[in-house]
Each structure stands twice: as structure tokens, then as C-alpha cells.
C-alpha atoms as a PDB file:
ATOM      1  CA  MET A   1      39.536  55.730  82.448  1.00  0.00           C
ATOM      2  CA  PHE A   2      39.860  59.388  82.485  1.00  0.00           C
ATOM      3  CA  GLU A   3      38.294  60.445  85.621  1.00  0.00           C
ATOM      4  CA  ASN A   4      41.531  61.255  87.516  1.00  0.00           C
ATOM      5  CA  LEU A   5      42.687  63.759  85.011  1.00  0.00           C
ATOM      6  CA  SER A   6      39.151  65.202  84.441  1.00  0.00           C
ATOM      7  CA  GLU A   7      39.466  65.657  87.916  1.00  0.00           C
ATOM      8  CA  ARG A   8      43.010  67.285  88.224  1.00  0.00           C
ATOM      9  CA  LEU A   9      42.149  69.508  85.040  1.00  0.00           C
ATOM     10  CA  GLU A  10      38.667  71.156  86.519  1.00  0.00           C
ATOM     11  CA  ARG A  11      40.825  71.773  89.514  1.00  0.00           C
ATOM     12  CA  SER A  12      43.657  73.621  87.563  1.00  0.00           C
ATOM     13  CA  PHE A  13      40.975  75.481  85.669  1.00  0.00           C
ATOM     14  CA  LYS A  14      39.579  76.647  89.323  1.00  0.00           C
ATOM     15  CA  ILE A  15      42.978  78.791  89.457  1.00  0.00           C
ATOM     16  CA  LEU A  16      41.321  81.249  86.721  1.00  0.00           C
ATOM     17  CA  LYS A  17      37.757  81.615  88.696  1.00  0.00           C
ATOM     18  CA  GLY A  18      36.958  85.405  89.714  1.00  0.00           C
ATOM     19  CA  GLU A  19      40.059  86.630  87.751  1.00  0.00           C
ATOM     20  CA  GLY A  20      39.003  89.097  85.078  1.00  0.00           C
ATOM     21  CA  LYS A  21      41.161  88.429  82.902  1.00  0.00           C
ATOM     22  CA  ILE A  22      44.324  86.133  81.095  1.00  0.00           C
ATOM     23  CA  THR A  23      47.220  87.276  82.689  1.00  0.00           C
ATOM     24  CA  GLU A  24      50.922  86.170  82.352  1.00  0.00           C
ATOM     25  CA  ILE A  25      50.833  84.870  86.106  1.00  0.00           C
ATOM     26  CA  ASN A  26      47.605  83.162  86.328  1.00  0.00           C
ATOM     27  CA  VAL A  27      48.272  81.601  83.282  1.00  0.00           C
ATOM     28  CA  ALA A  28      51.691  80.277  84.032  1.00  0.00           C
ATOM     29  CA  GLU A  29      50.023  78.876  87.605  1.00  0.00           C
ATOM     30  CA  THR A  30      47.313  77.463  85.708  1.00  0.00           C
ATOM     31  CA  VAL A  31      49.941  75.319  82.888  1.00  0.00           C
ATOM     32  CA  LYS A  32      51.774  74.458  85.799  1.00  0.00           C
ATOM     33  CA  ASP A  33      49.167  72.760  87.145  1.00  0.00           C
ATOM     34  CA  ILE A  34      48.075  71.303  83.985  1.00  0.00           C
ATOM     35  CA  ARG A  35      51.510  70.083  83.655  1.00  0.00           C
ATOM     36  CA  LYS A  36      51.576  67.853  86.733  1.00  0.00           C
ATOM     37  CA  ALA A  37      47.782  66.530  85.857  1.00  0.00           C
ATOM     38  CA  LEU A  38      49.164  64.862  82.705  1.00  0.00           C
ATOM     39  CA  LEU A  39      52.109  63.656  84.603  1.00  0.00           C
ATOM     40  CA  ASP A  40      50.232  61.617  86.745  1.00  0.00           C
ATOM     41  CA  ALA A  41      48.524  60.336  84.073  1.00  0.00           C
ATOM     42  CA  ASP A  42      51.204  58.898  82.832  1.00  0.00           C
ATOM     43  CA  VAL A  43      51.562  61.193  79.559  1.00  0.00           C
ATOM     44  CA  SER A  44      55.566  61.639  79.115  1.00  0.00           C
ATOM     45  CA  TYR A  45      57.476  64.480  80.454  1.00  0.00           C
ATOM     46  CA  LYS A  46      58.474  65.927  76.790  1.00  0.00           C
ATOM     47  CA  VAL A  47      54.818  65.176  75.281  1.00  0.00           C
ATOM     48  CA  ALA A  48      53.060  66.759  78.425  1.00  0.00           C
ATOM     49  CA  LYS A  49      55.886  70.196  78.394  1.00  0.00           C
ATOM     50  CA  ASP A  50      55.164  70.353  74.501  1.00  0.00           C
ATOM     51  CA  PHE A  51      51.625  70.534  75.183  1.00  0.00           C
ATOM     52  CA  CYS A  52      51.581  73.088  78.012  1.00  0.00           C
ATOM     53  CA  ASN A  53      53.817  75.306  75.926  1.00  0.00           C
ATOM     54  CA  ARG A  54      51.224  74.960  73.166  1.00  0.00           C
ATOM     55  CA  VAL A  55      48.839  75.907  75.805  1.00  0.00           C
ATOM     56  CA  LYS A  56      50.254  78.741  76.820  1.00  0.00           C
ATOM     57  CA  ASP A  57      51.353  80.475  73.801  1.00  0.00           C
ATOM     58  CA  LYS A  58      47.775  80.460  72.715  1.00  0.00           C
ATOM     59  CA  ALA A  59      46.284  81.524  75.744  1.00  0.00           C
ATOM     60  CA  MET A  60      48.608  84.430  75.959  1.00  0.00           C
ATOM     61  CA  GLY A  61      47.556  85.410  72.233  1.00  0.00           C
ATOM     62  CA  ALA A  62      44.066  84.627  72.676  1.00  0.00           C
ATOM     63  CA  ASN A  63      41.615  87.865  72.118  1.00  0.00           C
ATOM     64  CA  VAL A  64      39.737  86.998  75.174  1.00  0.00           C
ATOM     65  CA  LEU A  65      35.941  87.888  74.478  1.00  0.00           C
ATOM     66  CA  THR A  66      34.205  89.767  76.701  1.00  0.00           C
ATOM     67  CA  ALA A  67      31.729  87.376  76.685  1.00  0.00           C
ATOM     68  CA  VAL A  68      33.323  84.671  78.197  1.00  0.00           C
ATOM     69  CA  LYS A  69      34.976  84.200  81.624  1.00  0.00           C
ATOM     70  CA  PRO A  70      38.935  83.651  81.219  1.00  0.00           C
ATOM     71  CA  GLN A  71      38.694  80.615  82.860  1.00  0.00           C
ATOM     72  CA  GLN A  72      36.054  79.389  80.411  1.00  0.00           C
ATOM     73  CA  MET A  73      38.460  80.590  77.433  1.00  0.00           C
ATOM     74  CA  MET A  74      41.302  78.401  78.875  1.00  0.00           C
ATOM     75  CA  VAL A  75      38.788  74.987  79.465  1.00  0.00           C
ATOM     76  CA  LYS A  76      38.457  75.892  75.376  1.00  0.00           C
ATOM     77  CA  ILE A  77      41.843  76.263  74.405  1.00  0.00           C
ATOM     78  CA  THR A  78      43.185  72.995  76.717  1.00  0.00           C
ATOM     79  CA  HIS A  79      40.015  71.147  74.688  1.00  0.00           C
ATOM     80  CA  ASP A  80      41.368  72.241  71.290  1.00  0.00           C
ATOM     81  CA  GLU A  81      45.076  71.438  72.200  1.00  0.00           C
ATOM     82  CA  LEU A  82      44.295  68.376  73.257  1.00  0.00           C
ATOM     83  CA  ALA A  83      42.006  67.080  70.314  1.00  0.00           C
ATOM     84  CA  ASP A  84      44.821  68.543  67.883  1.00  0.00           C
ATOM     85  CA  PHE A  85      47.659  66.455  69.855  1.00  0.00           C
ATOM     86  CA  MET A  86      45.240  63.036  69.461  1.00  0.00           C
ATOM     87  CA  GLY A  87      44.750  63.520  66.014  1.00  0.00           C
ATOM     88  CA  SER A  88      42.725  66.301  65.809  1.00  0.00           C
ATOM     89  CA  THR A  89      39.982  64.185  63.452  1.00  0.00           C
ATOM     90  CA  ALA A  90      38.557  60.681  63.306  1.00  0.00           C
ATOM     91  CA  GLN A  91      40.661  58.811  60.645  1.00  0.00           C
ATOM     92  CA  ASP A  92      39.122  55.884  58.128  1.00  0.00           C
ATOM     93  CA  ILE A  93      41.068  52.559  57.609  1.00  0.00           C
ATOM     94  CA  ASN A  94      41.763  52.023  54.094  1.00  0.00           C
ATOM     95  CA  VAL A  95      39.893  48.679  53.092  1.00  0.00           C
ATOM     96  CA  LYS A  96      40.084  49.375  49.061  1.00  0.00           C
ATOM     97  CA  GLY A  97      41.377  46.787  46.846  1.00  0.00           C
ATOM     98  CA  ASN A  98      40.882  43.394  45.378  1.00  0.00           C
ATOM     99  CA  PRO A  99      40.715  42.340  48.439  1.00  0.00           C
ATOM    100  CA  GLY A 100      42.153  44.763  50.944  1.00  0.00           C
ATOM    101  CA  VAL A 101      44.363  43.494  53.470  1.00  0.00           C
ATOM    102  CA  VAL A 102      44.213  44.322  57.105  1.00  0.00           C
ATOM    103  CA  LEU A 103      47.350  43.503  58.879  1.00  0.00           C
ATOM    104  CA  VAL A 104      46.885  43.411  62.741  1.00  0.00           C
ATOM    105  CA  ALA A 105      50.045  43.442  64.709  1.00  0.00           C
ATOM    106  CA  GLY A 106      50.805  43.742  68.497  1.00  0.00           C
ATOM    107  CA  LEU A 107      52.571  42.044  70.961  1.00  0.00           C
ATOM    108  CA  ASN A 108      50.859  39.074  72.820  1.00  0.00           C
ATOM    109  CA  GLY A 109      48.109  39.828  75.550  1.00  0.00           C
ATOM    110  CA  SER A 110      47.354  43.256  73.896  1.00  0.00           C
ATOM    111  CA  GLY A 111      43.932  41.977  72.552  1.00  0.00           C
ATOM    112  CA  LYS A 112      44.848  41.518  68.419  1.00  0.00           C
ATOM    113  CA  THR A 113      42.597  38.692  68.013  1.00  0.00           C
ATOM    114  CA  THR A 114      39.705  39.725  69.774  1.00  0.00           C
ATOM    115  CA  PHE A 115      40.544  43.162  67.647  1.00  0.00           C
ATOM    116  CA  SER A 116      40.285  41.194  64.773  1.00  0.00           C
ATOM    117  CA  GLY A 117      36.836  40.030  65.389  1.00  0.00           C
ATOM    118  CA  LYS A 118      35.538  42.779  66.229  1.00  0.00           C
ATOM    119  CA  LEU A 119      37.023  44.435  63.371  1.00  0.00           C
ATOM    120  CA  ALA A 120      35.313  41.867  60.989  1.00  0.00           C
ATOM    121  CA  LEU A 121      31.707  42.401  62.827  1.00  0.00           C
ATOM    122  CA  LEU A 122      31.965  46.197  62.397  1.00  0.00           C
ATOM    123  CA  LEU A 123      32.791  45.671  58.663  1.00  0.00           C
ATOM    124  CA  LYS A 124      30.375  42.980  57.774  1.00  0.00           C
ATOM    125  CA  SER A 125      27.054  44.813  59.633  1.00  0.00           C
ATOM    126  CA  LYS A 126      27.989  48.542  59.266  1.00  0.00           C
ATOM    127  CA  ARG A 127      29.678  48.678  55.588  1.00  0.00           C
ATOM    128  CA  GLY A 128      28.399  45.539  54.283  1.00  0.00           C
ATOM    129  CA  MET A 129      31.727  43.771  53.253  1.00  0.00           C
ATOM    130  CA  LYS A 130      31.949  40.513  52.899  1.00  0.00           C
ATOM    131  CA  VAL A 131      34.871  39.645  55.172  1.00  0.00           C
ATOM    132  CA  LEU A 132      37.538  36.811  55.781  1.00  0.00           C
ATOM    133  CA  LEU A 133      39.331  36.204  58.732  1.00  0.00           C
ATOM    134  CA  ALA A 134      43.325  34.975  58.254  1.00  0.00           C
ATOM    135  CA  ALA A 135      44.478  33.243  61.123  1.00  0.00           C
ATOM    136  CA  CYS A 136      48.229  33.497  61.201  1.00  0.00           C
ATOM    137  CA  ASP A 137      49.307  33.456  64.753  1.00  0.00           C
ATOM    138  CA  THR A 138      50.933  29.887  64.460  1.00  0.00           C
ATOM    139  CA  PHE A 139      52.865  30.711  67.852  1.00  0.00           C
ATOM    140  CA  ARG A 140      50.280  31.036  70.354  1.00  0.00           C
ATOM    141  CA  PRO A 141      48.502  27.858  69.476  1.00  0.00           C
ATOM    142  CA  ALA A 142      45.556  28.991  71.047  1.00  0.00           C
ATOM    143  CA  ALA A 143      45.294  31.883  69.178  1.00  0.00           C
ATOM    144  CA  ILE A 144      44.099  29.820  65.806  1.00  0.00           C
ATOM    145  CA  GLU A 145      41.134  28.305  68.037  1.00  0.00           C
ATOM    146  CA  GLN A 146      40.290  31.982  69.798  1.00  0.00           C
ATOM    147  CA  LEU A 147      39.850  32.955  65.819  1.00  0.00           C
ATOM    148  CA  LYS A 148      37.548  30.066  64.806  1.00  0.00           C
ATOM    149  CA  VAL A 149      35.474  30.861  67.879  1.00  0.00           C
ATOM    150  CA  LEU A 150      34.966  34.415  67.239  1.00  0.00           C
ATOM    151  CA  GLY A 151      34.350  33.739  63.496  1.00  0.00           C
ATOM    152  CA  GLU A 152      31.837  31.381  64.026  1.00  0.00           C
ATOM    153  CA  SER A 153      30.075  34.073  66.605  1.00  0.00           C
ATOM    154  CA  ILE A 154      29.891  36.479  64.161  1.00  0.00           C
ATOM    155  CA  GLN A 155      29.201  34.329  60.983  1.00  0.00           C
ATOM    156  CA  VAL A 156      32.587  34.948  59.159  1.00  0.00           C
ATOM    157  CA  PRO A 157      34.596  32.831  57.818  1.00  0.00           C
ATOM    158  CA  VAL A 158      38.307  31.785  59.061  1.00  0.00           C
ATOM    159  CA  TYR A 159      40.872  30.625  57.084  1.00  0.00           C
ATOM    160  CA  THR A 160      43.584  28.620  58.556  1.00  0.00           C
ATOM    161  CA  GLU A 161      45.871  25.817  57.433  1.00  0.00           C
ATOM    162  CA  GLU A 162      46.726  22.507  59.726  1.00  0.00           C
ATOM    163  CA  GLY A 163      50.139  21.842  60.157  1.00  0.00           C
ATOM    164  CA  GLU A 164      51.491  24.866  58.332  1.00  0.00           C
ATOM    165  CA  LYS A 165      53.477  27.179  60.396  1.00  0.00           C
ATOM    166  CA  ASP A 166      54.700  29.772  57.589  1.00  0.00           C
ATOM    167  CA  PRO A 167      52.449  32.771  58.397  1.00  0.00           C
ATOM    168  CA  ILE A 168      53.452  33.906  55.019  1.00  0.00           C
ATOM    169  CA  LYS A 169      52.041  30.856  52.935  1.00  0.00           C
ATOM    170  CA  ILE A 170      48.784  31.066  54.897  1.00  0.00           C
ATOM    171  CA  ALA A 171      48.548  34.464  54.174  1.00  0.00           C
ATOM    172  CA  LYS A 172      49.291  34.731  50.636  1.00  0.00           C
ATOM    173  CA  ALA A 173      46.436  31.273  50.374  1.00  0.00           C
ATOM    174  CA  ALA A 174      43.928  33.497  52.589  1.00  0.00           C
ATOM    175  CA  ILE A 175      44.674  36.281  49.821  1.00  0.00           C
ATOM    176  CA  ALA A 176      44.076  34.292  46.939  1.00  0.00           C
ATOM    177  CA  LYS A 177      41.344  32.471  48.406  1.00  0.00           C
ATOM    178  CA  ALA A 178      39.549  36.131  48.920  1.00  0.00           C
ATOM    179  CA  ARG A 179      39.981  36.922  45.614  1.00  0.00           C
ATOM    180  CA  ALA A 180      38.854  34.015  43.916  1.00  0.00           C
ATOM    181  CA  GLU A 181      35.405  34.003  46.033  1.00  0.00           C
ATOM    182  CA  GLY A 182      34.637  37.618  45.776  1.00  0.00           C
ATOM    183  CA  TYR A 183      35.605  38.945  49.767  1.00  0.00           C
ATOM    184  CA  SER A 184      36.164  42.369  50.126  1.00  0.00           C
ATOM    185  CA  VAL A 185      38.220  42.345  52.790  1.00  0.00           C
ATOM    186  CA  VAL A 186      41.031  40.285  54.516  1.00  0.00           C
ATOM    187  CA  ILE A 187      41.812  40.694  58.553  1.00  0.00           C
ATOM    188  CA  VAL A 188      45.258  38.791  59.045  1.00  0.00           C
ATOM    189  CA  ASP A 189      45.785  38.257  62.600  1.00  0.00           C
ATOM    190  CA  THR A 190      49.756  37.856  63.394  1.00  0.00           C
ATOM    191  CA  ALA A 191      51.561  36.416  65.969  1.00  0.00           C
ATOM    192  CA  GLY A 192      53.043  38.391  69.115  1.00  0.00           C
ATOM    193  CA  ARG A 193      55.425  37.854  71.578  1.00  0.00           C
ATOM    194  CA  LEU A 194      55.725  38.998  75.136  1.00  0.00           C
ATOM    195  CA  ALA A 195      58.276  41.644  74.490  1.00  0.00           C
ATOM    196  CA  VAL A 196      59.764  43.019  71.244  1.00  0.00           C
ATOM    197  CA  ASP A 197      62.474  40.440  70.165  1.00  0.00           C
ATOM    198  CA  GLN A 198      64.253  40.187  67.128  1.00  0.00           C
ATOM    199  CA  GLN A 199      62.467  37.568  65.929  1.00  0.00           C
ATOM    200  CA  LEU A 200      58.940  39.065  66.288  1.00  0.00           C
ATOM    201  CA  MET A 201      60.269  42.228  64.554  1.00  0.00           C
ATOM    202  CA  ASP A 202      61.773  39.640  61.367  1.00  0.00           C
ATOM    203  CA  GLU A 203      58.555  37.932  61.415  1.00  0.00           C
ATOM    204  CA  ILE A 204      56.309  40.777  61.191  1.00  0.00           C
ATOM    205  CA  SER A 205      58.395  42.754  58.320  1.00  0.00           C
ATOM    206  CA  ALA A 206      58.677  39.764  55.868  1.00  0.00           C
ATOM    207  CA  LEU A 207      54.802  39.252  56.357  1.00  0.00           C
ATOM    208  CA  HIS A 208      54.291  42.773  55.835  1.00  0.00           C
ATOM    209  CA  GLN A 209      56.563  42.619  52.522  1.00  0.00           C
ATOM    210  CA  ALA A 210      54.997  39.322  51.287  1.00  0.00           C
ATOM    211  CA  VAL A 211      51.192  40.677  51.550  1.00  0.00           C
ATOM    212  CA  HIS A 212      51.378  44.669  51.073  1.00  0.00           C
ATOM    213  CA  PRO A 213      48.242  45.365  53.375  1.00  0.00           C
ATOM    214  CA  THR A 214      46.139  48.330  52.643  1.00  0.00           C
ATOM    215  CA  GLU A 215      46.063  48.838  55.940  1.00  0.00           C
ATOM    216  CA  THR A 216      48.905  47.360  59.017  1.00  0.00           C
ATOM    217  CA  LEU A 217      47.060  48.515  62.500  1.00  0.00           C
ATOM    218  CA  PHE A 218      48.949  48.232  65.523  1.00  0.00           C
ATOM    219  CA  VAL A 219      47.142  46.864  68.913  1.00  0.00           C
ATOM    220  CA  VAL A 220      48.215  48.133  71.803  1.00  0.00           C
ATOM    221  CA  ASP A 221      46.872  47.755  75.543  1.00  0.00           C
ATOM    222  CA  ALA A 222      45.795  51.010  76.814  1.00  0.00           C
ATOM    223  CA  MET A 223      46.419  49.838  80.550  1.00  0.00           C
ATOM    224  CA  THR A 224      50.446  49.627  79.768  1.00  0.00           C
ATOM    225  CA  GLY A 225      50.544  53.181  79.717  1.00  0.00           C
ATOM    226  CA  GLN A 226      54.228  54.742  78.550  1.00  0.00           C
ATOM    227  CA  ASP A 227      55.309  51.171  77.585  1.00  0.00           C
ATOM    228  CA  ALA A 228      52.415  51.333  75.289  1.00  0.00           C
ATOM    229  CA  VAL A 229      54.082  54.438  73.215  1.00  0.00           C
ATOM    230  CA  GLU A 230      57.639  52.842  73.046  1.00  0.00           C
ATOM    231  CA  THR A 231      56.411  49.683  71.837  1.00  0.00           C
ATOM    232  CA  ALA A 232      54.663  51.293  69.257  1.00  0.00           C
ATOM    233  CA  LYS A 233      57.536  53.525  68.589  1.00  0.00           C
ATOM    234  CA  ALA A 234      59.628  50.114  68.164  1.00  0.00           C
ATOM    235  CA  PHE A 235      57.049  48.919  65.765  1.00  0.00           C
ATOM    236  CA  ASN A 236      56.817  51.701  63.805  1.00  0.00           C
ATOM    237  CA  ASP A 237      60.278  52.138  62.912  1.00  0.00           C
ATOM    238  CA  ARG A 238      60.211  48.453  61.596  1.00  0.00           C
ATOM    239  CA  LEU A 239      56.646  48.463  59.960  1.00  0.00           C
ATOM    240  CA  ASP A 240      55.983  51.953  59.425  1.00  0.00           C
ATOM    241  CA  PHE A 241      52.133  50.882  60.204  1.00  0.00           C
ATOM    242  CA  ASP A 242      49.168  52.979  59.208  1.00  0.00           C
ATOM    243  CA  GLY A 243      47.264  53.687  62.521  1.00  0.00           C
ATOM    244  CA  VAL A 244      46.643  52.545  66.382  1.00  0.00           C
ATOM    245  CA  VAL A 245      44.260  50.375  68.130  1.00  0.00           C
ATOM    246  CA  LEU A 246      43.930  51.525  71.837  1.00  0.00           C
ATOM    247  CA  THR A 247      42.372  48.184  73.781  1.00  0.00           C
ATOM    248  CA  LYS A 248      41.408  47.573  77.365  1.00  0.00           C
ATOM    249  CA  MET A 249      40.054  51.215  77.972  1.00  0.00           C
ATOM    250  CA  ASP A 250      37.462  50.618  80.213  1.00  0.00           C
ATOM    251  CA  GLY A 251      40.191  49.157  82.501  1.00  0.00           C
ATOM    252  CA  ASP A 252      42.109  50.943  85.539  1.00  0.00           C
ATOM    253  CA  THR A 253      44.273  53.268  83.174  1.00  0.00           C
ATOM    254  CA  ARG A 254      45.713  56.658  83.413  1.00  0.00           C
ATOM    255  CA  GLY A 255      44.853  57.625  79.789  1.00  0.00           C
ATOM    256  CA  GLY A 256      48.931  58.235  78.897  1.00  0.00           C
ATOM    257  CA  ALA A 257      49.036  56.415  76.083  1.00  0.00           C
ATOM    258  CA  ALA A 258      45.671  57.953  74.376  1.00  0.00           C
ATOM    259  CA  LEU A 259      47.512  61.425  75.148  1.00  0.00           C
ATOM    260  CA  SER A 260      50.993  60.515  73.871  1.00  0.00           C
ATOM    261  CA  ILE A 261      50.806  57.988  70.989  1.00  0.00           C
ATOM    262  CA  LYS A 262      50.142  60.350  68.545  1.00  0.00           C
ATOM    263  CA  ALA A 263      52.569  62.913  69.294  1.00  0.00           C
ATOM    264  CA  VAL A 264      55.586  60.461  70.141  1.00  0.00           C
ATOM    265  CA  VAL A 265      55.250  58.134  66.921  1.00  0.00           C
ATOM    266  CA  GLY A 266      52.540  60.654  64.728  1.00  0.00           C
ATOM    267  CA  LYS A 267      50.403  57.980  63.933  1.00  0.00           C
ATOM    268  CA  PRO A 268      46.977  58.050  64.805  1.00  0.00           C
ATOM    269  CA  ILE A 269      44.630  56.366  66.695  1.00  0.00           C
ATOM    270  CA  LYS A 270      41.728  54.498  64.300  1.00  0.00           C
ATOM    271  CA  PHE A 271      39.730  52.719  67.070  1.00  0.00           C
ATOM    272  CA  VAL A 272      39.431  52.425  71.083  1.00  0.00           C
ATOM    273  CA  SER A 273      38.055  48.770  72.252  1.00  0.00           C
ATOM    274  CA  SER A 274      36.494  48.487  75.746  1.00  0.00           C
ATOM    275  CA  GLY A 275      35.511  44.823  77.264  1.00  0.00           C
ATOM    276  CA  GLU A 276      35.070  41.837  75.717  1.00  0.00           C
ATOM    277  CA  LYS A 277      31.716  42.051  73.636  1.00  0.00           C
ATOM    278  CA  LEU A 278      32.525  42.022  69.831  1.00  0.00           C
ATOM    279  CA  GLU A 279      30.450  45.375  69.492  1.00  0.00           C
ATOM    280  CA  ALA A 280      32.579  47.055  71.780  1.00  0.00           C
ATOM    281  CA  LEU A 281      34.688  48.929  69.510  1.00  0.00           C
ATOM    282  CA  ASP A 282      34.524  52.464  68.410  1.00  0.00           C
ATOM    283  CA  VAL A 283      35.944  54.671  65.924  1.00  0.00           C
ATOM    284  CA  PHE A 284      38.184  57.040  67.805  1.00  0.00           C
ATOM    285  CA  HIS A 285      37.301  60.581  68.044  1.00  0.00           C
ATOM    286  CA  PRO A 286      40.025  63.176  69.593  1.00  0.00           C
ATOM    287  CA  ASP A 287      37.525  65.594  69.427  1.00  0.00           C
ATOM    288  CA  ARG A 288      35.100  63.470  71.542  1.00  0.00           C
ATOM    289  CA  MET A 289      37.735  62.233  73.531  1.00  0.00           C
ATOM    290  CA  ALA A 290      39.054  65.803  75.006  1.00  0.00           C
ATOM    291  CA  ASP A 291      34.944  66.460  75.614  1.00  0.00           C
ATOM    292  CA  ARG A 292      35.237  63.056  77.831  1.00  0.00           C
ATOM    293  CA  ILE A 293      38.628  64.236  79.231  1.00  0.00           C
ATOM    294  CA  LEU A 294      37.813  67.447  80.217  1.00  0.00           C
ATOM    295  CA  GLY A 295      33.512  66.500  80.936  1.00  0.00           C
ATOM    296  CA  MET A 296      32.907  70.236  79.820  1.00  0.00           C
ATOM    297  CA  GLY A 297      31.421  70.049  76.520  1.00  0.00           C
ATOM    298  CA  ASP A 298      28.790  72.844  77.445  1.00  0.00           C
ATOM    299  CA  VAL A 299      31.399  75.314  78.318  1.00  0.00           C
ATOM    300  CA  VAL A 300      33.632  74.857  74.816  1.00  0.00           C
ATOM    301  CA  SER A 301      29.953  75.043  73.095  1.00  0.00           C
ATOM    302  CA  LEU A 302      29.562  78.423  74.874  1.00  0.00           C
ATOM    303  CA  VAL A 303      32.951  79.312  74.101  1.00  0.00           C
ATOM    304  CA  GLU A 304      32.564  78.383  70.151  1.00  0.00           C
ATOM    305  CA  LYS A 305      29.207  80.495  70.166  1.00  0.00           C
ATOM    306  CA  ALA A 306      30.423  83.966  71.656  1.00  0.00           C
ATOM    307  CA  GLN A 307      33.307  83.517  69.313  1.00  0.00           C
ATOM    308  CA  GLU A 308      30.964  83.316  65.667  1.00  0.00           C
ATOM    309  CA  GLN A 309      28.879  85.995  67.505  1.00  0.00           C
ATOM    310  CA  PHE A 310      30.902  89.044  68.878  1.00  0.00           C
ATOM    311  CA  ASP A 311      33.506  90.709  66.902  1.00  0.00           C
ATOM    312  CA  GLU A 312      37.098  90.595  68.183  1.00  0.00           C
ATOM    313  CA  LYS A 313      36.447  93.814  70.452  1.00  0.00           C
END
């Protein structure tokens, strides 16, 4: 997913190759190149500019260790800033409660229903939880059927109500059933639309207020780039969700959404999903993603070791 960005950043660091020390001139050149690479990866101009300013400030204020080359130091600084920009550490979801309620929101086609199945499998197999899926997408007829098929394949029950069009009634009944039958968590799959509209926002807000979820996750298609960031912003203004799920990370995407969402919306990315397989769901680790983007984990480790073992001089 980040191949193009990785190559561009690697080229940026080559400006410093063979340089004896970090100077204002070679840092400015490198940072300018990094900004171009980010803009090409569909990161918004403001986010790219803020990011580069932070890298520049850190590089100019860095005590360059004699044990490492300026190029290696710059890789380490960029790595740390990338990880920080994407949320610095992995964030868990809150599924505590009687039962815990996870509300899954997003536009049509973002992969909400598939993600609901993936999350149910993850909570069941890795955390040993008793999970109930609630089919509350009454807008798209195939969604309920799709959730039933997913539930069956992972042996997780799906709560549906034939002919009921009110998602609030379905969600409340599912939560009552979960409470009565000792389920630990209910995952509520909600309706989307092709675009953000008033009807969708009113419906999702009403559902959110009615069920008081312990966790609200916004699912977004990583391939939509900056559109993904704008949609996340619109949803967050109404829902104040807890975290973002990026789907289709295996697709031909430039990665701008992953790099911009935390900076623009202020909410962490909690999961990344790639592929149709129900096991293909990972907790999002910003530091590991930064490793992947830079493809230079060894250099980062080397600089960290040098920082530990050498005094400032």
C-alpha cells in the first residue's frame, strides 16, 4: 500500500548521504522532498506542512550523535514523527459493560458489514467473548442477509427482526436479549448511504443516543484518500466517535488517509483491515506502520541503540 511513498521518502534521505553533519540547508532540502512525497501520497497540504515543520524543528534541534550518520538520524526523526502523527501507540476498544455495545458506522461500500463479522471473530477467538451481532442496516436489503451469512461462517448468532424497519427497536431488542442471555458484547451494524446526507446523520445520531454504545467505530475505505478524511470529519462532528477502522488496505491506495485522519479528526485509527478473509483484521500499531512506510526498521534500531549507549558529546 505504501510502496510509492516508501520509495519517495528513501530518495529524500539520499540528499543527506555522504554529508558530514546536519545543516539548515541540507535539512531544508530533505524536508522539501519529504513534503512532495507526502502530497503525492494524497496527504492534505496542511497536514504535510505541519508534519514537515515538526521534522525540521526536531532535526535542527537534534544532538547528532557521532556514532550515526545524518541520514540515519533523519530517518529516525521522520519515523518517530510519522508514528506520532498516526497516534503514537495502539489503542484498544472499550467492550466493557453488561453487555458492551460496539456501534459500527460509515458510508455504503466502506466495508462496515464485513468489518462487523471480522470484529466478532476477533473478540470471540482472541478474547474468548460471547458475541451477538445485531443487523440494524434496514436501508440496504442485502446487508441483513450478508451479516447472517458472516455470522453463520464464524458461529456467532445474528439478531434480526423480520419486517422491522426501525433500527433503534432492533438494536434495543438485541441488547436486551444479550443482557438476558449473558452475552459479553453486541456489535451493531448500521445503515450507510452513498454519501453523507441529513437523513443518514439523523438516523445514526438517534441510534447512537438510544443505545449509548461503549465504543463507536467509524469504518472508512482507505482507497478514497482525502475523501475518507472529509467523511470522517463530518461523522465525527455528529457522533464524536471513538476510533477509525481503515478497510481495503490491500488495495491500490496511496496511504494519505492513514497519515491524515488522526491529524485532522483527532481520533485514533484502531483497526486496519485488508482482504475479504474474516481473519484479515489487525489492531493498528502506528510505530509498526511507520516501520513499514520507511522500510528502515534496522536504521531506527541502530539510532536508538546509539542514543542509549553514548553520552551527548
